[in-house]
Structures are given as C-alpha cells and as structure tokens.
C-alpha cells in the first residue's frame, strides 16, 4: 500500500510538473471579453442610415473589470488578435490551476482516487 501511495505521489508530482511547464510556456495573459461590433454612425446623410450592408466597422471592444469597475476600450484589429490569445491563455491557466490544486490535494491527503 505504501508503494501505491509513493507511486501516486510521484504520478501527481509529474502531472504538476507538466502543468507548470504549460503555464510557463504562455506569454500574454489577461482577463476580459472581446467583442466585434458594427455600428451606425447616426448621421442622416450617411449610407449606413439606409443601407444595412454599409454599417461601419468592424470595431473591436475589450471589456474587463478594473478597480471594481467595468472598463470598455476600443482596440485595433491587431490588438484584438493579441487580446484574444491572452484571454484564452488566462482561461486555460485558471483551468490548469484547478488541476494543480487537485493534484496537490492528492499528494497531501494521499488519495488514490483522482478526478480528471
């Protein structure tokens, strides 16, 4: 039984090492939501007022909580691409941290059964 516990501890430690490596391989990380929008400008003589295909955009908006307030910012297409990757990285890191926590619990408590 002790050998099983040692093997389980080694396996959990190996999985933690893999989690650390995945996190270390990520570059940009940020929270928030990225939206793509098209808008009417409101000028009555503009084509967008009468032609739905002439709506302006796309515009990219990055929304996030900062200092307890919801902050909105219009970003360029290039910035939106970078933000999309950074937001995906942040979500993956959160998931990896939950896995890391489960592996730590398995090591500390010596649990043989582990939920994936």
Protein backbone atom coordinates (compact mmCIF):
# COMPACT_ATOMS: atom_id res chain seq x y z
CA UNK A 1 0.00 0.00 0.00
CA UNK A 2 2.89 2.37 0.76
CA UNK A 3 4.34 1.65 -2.67
CA UNK A 4 0.97 2.56 -4.22
CA UNK A 5 0.95 5.83 -2.28
CA UNK A 6 4.52 6.60 -3.36
CA UNK A 7 3.63 5.84 -6.98
CA UNK A 8 0.52 8.02 -6.74
CA UNK A 9 2.59 10.83 -5.22
CA UNK A 10 5.19 10.53 -7.99
CA UNK A 11 2.46 10.50 -10.64
CA UNK A 12 0.78 13.57 -9.14
CA UNK A 13 4.15 15.36 -8.91
CA UNK A 14 4.83 14.52 -12.56
CA UNK A 15 1.43 15.92 -13.56
CA UNK A 16 2.14 19.09 -11.55
CA UNK A 17 5.41 19.44 -13.46
CA UNK A 18 3.51 19.19 -16.74
CA UNK A 19 1.05 21.83 -15.55
CA UNK A 20 3.92 24.16 -14.59
CA UNK A 21 5.53 23.68 -18.00
CA UNK A 22 2.30 24.53 -19.80
CA UNK A 23 1.84 27.69 -17.73
CA UNK A 24 5.49 28.72 -18.20
CA UNK A 25 5.06 28.39 -21.98
CA UNK A 26 2.38 31.08 -22.07
CA UNK A 27 3.37 34.63 -22.84
CA UNK A 28 0.49 37.13 -22.73
CA UNK A 29 -2.30 36.74 -20.16
CA UNK A 30 -5.27 38.99 -19.42
CA UNK A 31 -8.89 38.76 -18.39
CA UNK A 32 -11.95 40.20 -20.04
CA UNK A 33 -14.16 39.76 -23.05
CA UNK A 34 -13.51 40.73 -26.64
CA UNK A 35 -16.40 41.77 -28.86
CA UNK A 36 -16.61 42.57 -32.55
CA UNK A 37 -19.24 45.17 -33.44
CA UNK A 38 -20.55 47.08 -36.40
CA UNK A 39 -22.33 50.39 -35.83
CA UNK A 40 -24.50 53.03 -37.44
CA UNK A 41 -22.95 56.48 -37.05
CA UNK A 42 -26.23 58.38 -36.63
CA UNK A 43 -25.67 60.91 -39.41
CA UNK A 44 -28.84 61.04 -41.54
CA UNK A 45 -26.96 61.54 -44.84
CA UNK A 46 -24.59 58.59 -44.32
CA UNK A 47 -25.13 55.39 -46.32
CA UNK A 48 -25.33 53.39 -43.09
CA UNK A 49 -28.65 55.09 -42.26
CA UNK A 50 -30.43 53.44 -45.19
CA UNK A 51 -28.21 50.52 -46.26
CA UNK A 52 -27.70 47.72 -43.68
CA UNK A 53 -24.64 46.49 -45.62
CA UNK A 54 -22.94 49.89 -45.24
CA UNK A 55 -22.74 49.76 -41.44
CA UNK A 56 -19.36 50.97 -40.13
CA UNK A 57 -16.87 48.55 -38.67
CA UNK A 58 -15.93 46.10 -37.51
CA UNK A 59 -14.84 47.68 -34.25
CA UNK A 60 -13.26 45.58 -31.51
CA UNK A 61 -14.14 46.24 -27.88
CA UNK A 62 -12.28 44.82 -24.91
CA UNK A 63 -14.33 44.75 -21.69
CA UNK A 64 -12.88 43.91 -18.29
CA UNK A 65 -13.18 44.63 -14.59
CA UNK A 66 -10.54 47.04 -13.29
CA UNK A 67 -10.56 48.55 -9.82
CA UNK A 68 -14.11 47.34 -9.19
CA UNK A 69 -15.45 48.97 -12.35
CA UNK A 70 -16.30 47.59 -15.76
CA UNK A 71 -13.94 49.20 -18.28
CA UNK A 72 -14.56 49.26 -22.05
CA UNK A 73 -11.91 50.06 -24.61
CA UNK A 74 -11.92 50.08 -28.41
CA UNK A 75 -8.82 48.31 -29.76
CA UNK A 76 -7.34 47.79 -33.22
CA UNK A 77 -7.66 44.55 -35.19
CA UNK A 78 -4.04 43.67 -34.32
CA UNK A 79 -4.59 44.37 -30.63
CA UNK A 80 -7.80 42.31 -30.74
CA UNK A 81 -5.84 39.35 -32.09
CA UNK A 82 -3.30 39.61 -29.29
CA UNK A 83 -6.03 40.05 -26.68
CA UNK A 84 -7.94 37.02 -27.94
CA UNK A 85 -4.88 34.85 -27.36
CA UNK A 86 -4.16 36.42 -23.97
CA UNK A 87 -7.76 35.91 -22.81
CA UNK A 88 -7.66 32.26 -23.96
CA UNK A 89 -4.37 31.81 -22.05
CA UNK A 90 -5.89 33.27 -18.89
CA UNK A 91 -8.83 30.88 -19.07
CA UNK A 92 -6.51 27.92 -19.66
CA UNK A 93 -4.33 28.96 -16.71
CA UNK A 94 -7.39 29.05 -14.45
CA UNK A 95 -8.24 25.50 -15.53
CA UNK A 96 -4.64 24.36 -15.03
CA UNK A 97 -4.59 25.86 -11.52
CA UNK A 98 -7.72 23.88 -10.64
CA UNK A 99 -5.95 20.72 -11.84
CA UNK A 100 -2.83 21.66 -9.86
CA UNK A 101 -4.96 22.09 -6.75
CA UNK A 102 -6.49 18.61 -7.21
CA UNK A 103 -3.03 17.06 -7.65
CA UNK A 104 -1.76 18.85 -4.54
CA UNK A 105 -4.73 17.56 -2.59
CA UNK A 106 -3.98 14.03 -3.80
CA UNK A 107 -0.37 14.34 -2.60
CA UNK A 108 -1.21 15.90 0.77
CA UNK A 109 -4.11 13.61 1.59
CA UNK A 110 -2.64 10.53 -0.07
CA UNK A 111 -5.79 9.91 -2.09
CA UNK A 112 -5.51 7.14 -4.62
CA UNK A 113 -8.65 8.11 -6.48
CA UNK A 114 -8.31 11.22 -8.58
CA UNK A 115 -10.94 13.04 -10.59
CA UNK A 116 -9.84 14.16 -14.03
